[in-house]
Amino acid sequence: MGADLGTEATGGESRKARVLAVVNQKGGVGKSTTAVNLAAALGDMGRGVLLVDLDPQGNTTSGFGLDKNQRQECVYNALLSGTPVETLIEPVSVENVFVVPATIQLAGAEIELVSAFSRETKLKGVLSPILHDFDFVLIDCPPSLGLLTVNALTAADGVIIPVQCEYYALEGLSKLLESFKLVKTHLNPGLEIFGVVMTMYDSRTKLSQAVLEEVRDFFGDKVFETVIPRSVRVSEAPSFGQPVTVFDPTGRGAEAYRSLAAEVLSRV
């Protein structure tokens, strides 16, 4: 059942959402965690946010307390069955934030999209009718560079790349940047790297600082000043179906994601 977006999250025809894909084909870097908590922090700041869960694992869906196992329809139906996306939008516990959920059904989309007409632009077409209803649309991508991620890159204005503070942090990013350039050249000339966010930062270790410096040398001012600390509370929050801004609102993790949200707003 779709959500009534109400007055809090809707605006007039004068605004159009900034669409940002949260992407890194490497798993375990804090991608879904960043998508959930950035959405929540932006919502707390009064911005209307739609979070599209494009990952078959559905971690963004469950991260907001939505049961991904009890849903009849999800973003898969919008992409491949023509279901209007507005009927799939669900409100969550954070004011101004809405989710288009994912289920395991989405796992089949990679194969089914191969033979689909205009397969790379399906998501762009799906999102187009509701872009004036939100300030931001965040897309949580799967940990791969398949057709779902290509759809996200084609639909997005920019990408946010979470990078974990560990050895080999830049390993694999060359493939992501190659895909980024191909999509920018052939499908979405306006695509930009909106920002790189360092996650799981441990100020007690020289490794975290060394990785941060390496990534800043590589990406320059695209790297956000805010770093997301390694935090047990950030890790625990998804199991309670809450963003850390709700689960532990005064903790270091929540403060970091609020700071990140403020940086995002400053770049728009």
Protein backbone atom coordinates (compact mmCIF):
# COMPACT_ATOMS: atom_id res chain seq x y z
CA MET A 1 0.00 0.00 0.00
CA GLY A 2 1.36 3.39 -0.97
CA ALA A 3 1.90 6.26 1.40
CA ASP A 4 0.17 9.58 1.56
CA LEU A 5 3.18 11.85 1.33
CA GLY A 6 1.35 14.67 3.07
CA THR A 7 2.52 18.22 3.38
CA GLU A 8 5.76 17.51 5.22
CA ALA A 9 7.47 15.66 2.41
CA THR A 10 5.82 17.20 -0.61
CA GLY A 11 6.50 20.46 -2.28
CA GLY A 12 5.27 22.27 -5.28
CA GLU A 13 6.35 21.87 -8.85
CA SER A 14 9.15 24.33 -8.09
CA ARG A 15 11.41 21.73 -6.52
CA LYS A 16 12.95 18.64 -7.97
CA ALA A 17 14.76 16.02 -5.94
CA ARG A 18 18.51 15.66 -6.05
CA VAL A 19 18.99 11.97 -6.88
CA LEU A 20 22.05 10.40 -5.25
CA ALA A 21 23.14 6.79 -5.64
CA VAL A 22 25.01 5.31 -2.67
CA VAL A 23 27.35 2.90 -4.42
CA ASN A 24 30.35 0.66 -3.88
CA GLN A 25 30.51 -2.83 -5.35
CA LYS A 26 32.60 -3.95 -2.39
CA GLY A 27 30.41 -5.34 0.39
CA GLY A 28 30.73 -4.47 4.06
CA VAL A 29 31.76 -0.85 3.60
CA GLY A 30 28.74 0.68 5.32
CA LYS A 31 26.75 1.42 2.18
CA SER A 32 23.26 0.56 3.45
CA THR A 33 24.12 1.98 6.89
CA THR A 34 25.08 5.26 5.25
CA ALA A 35 21.95 5.32 3.07
CA VAL A 36 19.65 4.72 6.07
CA ASN A 37 21.32 7.13 8.46
CA LEU A 38 21.90 9.90 5.93
CA ALA A 39 18.23 9.70 4.94
CA ALA A 40 17.17 9.88 8.59
CA ALA A 41 19.46 12.84 9.32
CA LEU A 42 18.20 14.74 6.27
CA GLY A 43 14.62 13.98 7.30
CA ASP A 44 15.31 15.33 10.79
CA MET A 45 16.51 18.52 9.11
CA GLY A 46 13.13 18.92 7.44
CA ARG A 47 14.04 17.60 3.99
CA GLY A 48 11.70 15.23 2.22
CA VAL A 49 13.65 12.07 1.45
CA LEU A 50 12.74 9.00 -0.58
CA LEU A 51 15.08 6.05 -0.05
CA VAL A 52 14.96 3.47 -2.84
CA ASP A 53 16.24 0.05 -1.80
CA LEU A 54 17.80 -1.44 -4.93
CA ASP A 55 19.69 -4.18 -3.07
CA PRO A 56 18.04 -7.64 -3.07
CA GLN A 57 19.38 -8.16 0.47
CA GLY A 58 16.90 -5.50 1.59
CA ASN A 59 19.07 -4.14 4.39
CA THR A 60 17.80 -0.61 3.88
CA THR A 61 14.23 -1.84 4.04
CA SER A 62 14.76 -3.72 7.31
CA GLY A 63 16.99 -0.92 8.62
CA PHE A 64 13.85 1.21 8.89
CA GLY A 65 11.85 -1.58 10.51
CA LEU A 66 9.92 -2.66 7.40
CA ASP A 67 9.43 -6.43 7.11
CA LYS A 68 10.92 -7.40 3.75
CA ASN A 69 9.51 -10.93 4.05
CA GLN A 70 5.86 -9.87 4.31
CA ARG A 71 5.63 -7.62 1.25
CA GLN A 72 3.61 -8.57 -1.82
CA GLU A 73 5.29 -5.97 -4.03
CA CYS A 74 8.55 -4.04 -4.02
CA VAL A 75 10.76 -1.99 -6.34
CA TYR A 76 11.04 -5.06 -8.59
CA ASN A 77 7.39 -4.60 -9.58
CA ALA A 78 8.00 -0.99 -10.56
CA LEU A 79 11.01 -1.93 -12.67
CA LEU A 80 9.60 -4.99 -14.44
CA SER A 81 5.82 -5.11 -14.00
CA GLY A 82 4.88 -1.47 -14.56
CA THR A 83 3.56 -0.94 -11.02
CA PRO A 84 3.45 2.83 -10.34
CA VAL A 85 6.21 3.61 -7.85
CA GLU A 86 3.94 5.89 -5.83
CA THR A 87 1.90 2.85 -4.81
CA LEU A 88 5.04 1.24 -3.33
CA ILE A 89 6.23 4.17 -1.20
CA GLU A 90 6.06 3.45 2.54
CA PRO A 91 6.37 5.91 5.45
CA VAL A 92 8.81 5.07 8.24
CA SER A 93 9.23 6.14 11.84
CA VAL A 94 11.38 9.16 10.91
CA GLU A 95 9.38 12.19 9.84
CA ASN A 96 9.83 13.26 6.19
CA VAL A 97 11.45 9.93 5.20
CA PHE A 98 9.85 7.35 2.91
CA VAL A 99 11.10 4.04 1.50
CA VAL A 100 10.52 2.06 -1.67
CA PRO A 101 11.28 -1.40 -0.24
CA ALA A 102 13.16 -4.34 -1.70
CA THR A 103 12.54 -8.06 -1.29
CA ILE A 104 14.50 -11.12 -2.41
CA GLN A 105 12.31 -11.00 -5.55
CA LEU A 106 14.65 -8.26 -6.75
CA ALA A 107 17.44 -10.84 -7.13
CA GLY A 108 15.88 -11.98 -10.39
CA ALA A 109 15.85 -8.48 -11.83
CA GLU A 110 19.47 -8.64 -13.05
CA ILE A 111 18.59 -11.54 -15.37
CA GLU A 112 15.20 -10.21 -16.43
CA LEU A 113 16.55 -6.77 -17.24
CA VAL A 114 19.00 -8.21 -19.79
CA SER A 115 16.24 -8.67 -22.36
CA ALA A 116 14.17 -5.64 -21.32
CA PHE A 117 13.65 -2.69 -23.65
CA SER A 118 15.69 0.36 -22.55
CA ARG A 119 17.05 -1.80 -19.77
CA GLU A 120 19.52 0.78 -18.41
CA THR A 121 16.92 3.52 -18.01
CA LYS A 122 14.12 1.59 -16.28
CA LEU A 123 14.70 3.16 -12.86
CA LYS A 124 14.98 6.65 -14.30
CA GLY A 125 11.56 6.25 -15.87
CA VAL A 126 10.12 4.79 -12.67
CA LEU A 127 11.31 7.73 -10.54
CA SER A 128 10.50 10.52 -12.95
CA PRO A 129 6.82 11.04 -11.87
CA ILE A 130 7.69 11.61 -8.19
CA LEU A 131 10.85 13.73 -8.34
CA HIS A 132 8.92 16.90 -7.49
CA ASP A 133 7.59 15.32 -4.29
CA PHE A 134 10.95 15.14 -2.51
CA ASP A 135 14.12 17.10 -1.85
CA PHE A 136 16.32 14.02 -2.09
CA VAL A 137 16.04 10.56 -3.59
CA LEU A 138 18.74 8.24 -2.24
CA ILE A 139 19.31 4.93 -4.01
CA ASP A 140 20.97 2.12 -2.07
CA CYS A 141 22.73 0.03 -4.71
CA PRO A 142 23.60 -3.67 -4.54
CA PRO A 143 27.26 -4.64 -3.93
CA SER A 144 27.88 -5.32 -7.62
CA LEU A 145 28.26 -3.46 -10.90
CA GLY A 146 25.39 -5.21 -12.68
CA LEU A 147 22.32 -3.79 -14.37
CA LEU A 148 20.66 -2.65 -11.14
CA THR A 149 23.65 -0.46 -10.30
CA VAL A 150 23.82 0.79 -13.90
CA ASN A 151 20.15 1.74 -13.58
CA ALA A 152 20.93 3.67 -10.41
CA LEU A 153 23.84 5.49 -12.05
CA THR A 154 21.68 6.35 -15.05
CA ALA A 155 18.90 7.73 -12.84
CA ALA A 156 21.19 9.68 -10.48
CA ASP A 157 22.54 13.21 -10.52
CA GLY A 158 25.51 12.11 -8.44
CA VAL A 159 27.06 9.27 -6.48
CA ILE A 160 28.06 9.00 -2.84
CA ILE A 161 30.83 6.42 -2.41
CA PRO A 162 31.31 4.96 1.10
CA VAL A 163 34.90 3.79 1.63
CA GLN A 164 35.88 1.72 4.66
CA CYS A 165 39.01 2.73 6.59
CA GLU A 166 40.94 -0.51 6.07
CA TYR A 167 43.72 -1.97 3.94
CA TYR A 168 42.86 -2.23 0.25
CA ALA A 169 40.26 0.52 0.66
CA LEU A 170 40.88 1.67 -2.91
CA GLU A 171 40.95 -1.86 -4.29
CA GLY A 172 38.08 -2.32 -6.71
CA LEU A 173 37.27 1.37 -6.86
CA SER A 174 38.95 1.51 -10.26
CA LYS A 175 36.22 -0.80 -11.60
CA LEU A 176 33.54 1.41 -10.04
CA LEU A 177 35.08 4.53 -11.57
CA GLU A 178 35.31 2.76 -14.93
CA SER A 179 31.59 1.96 -14.78
CA PHE A 180 30.91 5.53 -13.66
CA LYS A 181 32.76 6.91 -16.70
CA LEU A 182 30.99 4.55 -19.11
CA VAL A 183 27.56 5.55 -17.79
CA LYS A 184 28.52 9.24 -17.86
CA THR A 185 29.74 8.94 -21.45
CA HIS A 186 26.93 6.88 -22.92
CA LEU A 187 23.84 7.22 -20.70
CA ASN A 188 24.00 10.10 -18.23
CA PRO A 189 26.32 13.01 -19.14
CA GLY A 190 25.33 14.97 -16.02
CA LEU A 191 26.48 12.27 -13.58
CA GLU A 192 29.02 13.48 -11.01
CA ILE A 193 30.87 12.17 -7.99
CA PHE A 194 28.91 14.03 -5.32
CA GLY A 195 31.07 12.85 -2.44
CA VAL A 196 33.19 10.14 -0.85
CA VAL A 197 32.48 9.27 2.78
CA MET A 198 34.97 7.44 4.98
CA THR A 199 33.30 4.84 7.20
CA MET A 200 34.35 2.72 10.20
CA TYR A 201 37.05 5.22 11.14
CA ASP A 202 39.02 4.41 14.29
CA SER A 203 40.94 7.45 15.51
CA ARG A 204 43.10 5.23 17.73
CA THR A 205 44.80 3.53 14.80
CA LYS A 206 47.40 4.85 12.39
CA LEU A 207 45.80 2.68 9.71
CA SER A 208 42.57 4.68 9.65
CA GLN A 209 44.46 7.96 9.34
CA ALA A 210 46.72 6.53 6.62
CA VAL A 211 43.74 5.26 4.59
CA LEU A 212 41.94 8.58 5.02
CA GLU A 213 44.98 10.45 3.69
CA GLU A 214 45.33 8.01 0.78
CA VAL A 215 41.70 8.43 -0.24
CA ARG A 216 41.93 12.24 0.09
CA ASP A 217 45.03 12.21 -2.12
CA PHE A 218 43.06 10.24 -4.71
CA PHE A 219 39.68 12.02 -4.61
CA GLY A 220 40.69 15.46 -3.35
CA ASP A 221 37.89 17.72 -2.17
CA LYS A 222 35.27 15.14 -3.15
CA VAL A 223 35.95 13.48 0.21
CA PHE A 224 33.60 14.73 2.93
CA GLU A 225 35.24 16.30 5.97
CA THR A 226 32.94 14.21 8.15
CA VAL A 227 34.18 10.71 8.90
CA ILE A 228 31.89 8.01 10.25
CA PRO A 229 33.42 6.38 13.35
CA ARG A 230 33.54 2.67 14.03
CA SER A 231 30.70 2.31 16.53
CA VAL A 232 28.94 -0.60 18.19
CA ARG A 233 25.75 1.47 18.38
CA VAL A 234 25.79 2.12 14.64
CA SER A 235 26.19 -1.63 14.09
CA GLU A 236 23.41 -2.51 16.54
CA ALA A 237 20.79 -0.07 15.27
CA PRO A 238 19.69 -2.09 12.16
CA SER A 239 18.79 -5.11 14.29
CA PHE A 240 16.25 -2.87 16.05
CA GLY A 241 14.89 -1.55 12.74
CA GLN A 242 16.03 1.98 13.51
CA PRO A 243 18.57 4.44 12.16
CA VAL A 244 21.24 5.30 14.71
CA THR A 245 19.83 8.84 14.91
CA VAL A 246 16.80 7.27 16.62
CA PHE A 247 18.48 4.33 18.35
CA ASP A 248 21.29 6.34 19.95
CA PRO A 249 20.53 10.00 19.15
CA THR A 250 23.31 11.51 21.28
CA GLY A 251 26.01 9.02 20.31
CA ARG A 252 29.06 9.60 18.12
CA GLY A 253 27.53 7.76 15.17
CA ALA A 254 24.35 9.84 15.17
CA GLU A 255 26.35 13.07 15.48
CA ALA A 256 28.56 12.01 12.57
CA TYR A 257 25.61 11.30 10.27
CA ARG A 258 24.00 14.63 11.18
CA SER A 259 27.29 16.31 10.30
CA LEU A 260 27.40 14.39 7.01
CA ALA A 261 23.84 15.49 6.22
CA ALA A 262 24.82 19.11 6.84
CA GLU A 263 27.74 18.69 4.41
CA VAL A 264 25.44 17.15 1.82
CA LEU A 265 23.13 20.16 2.09
CA SER A 266 26.07 22.52 1.73
CA ARG A 267 27.00 20.86 -1.59
CA VAL A 268 23.55 21.05 -3.16
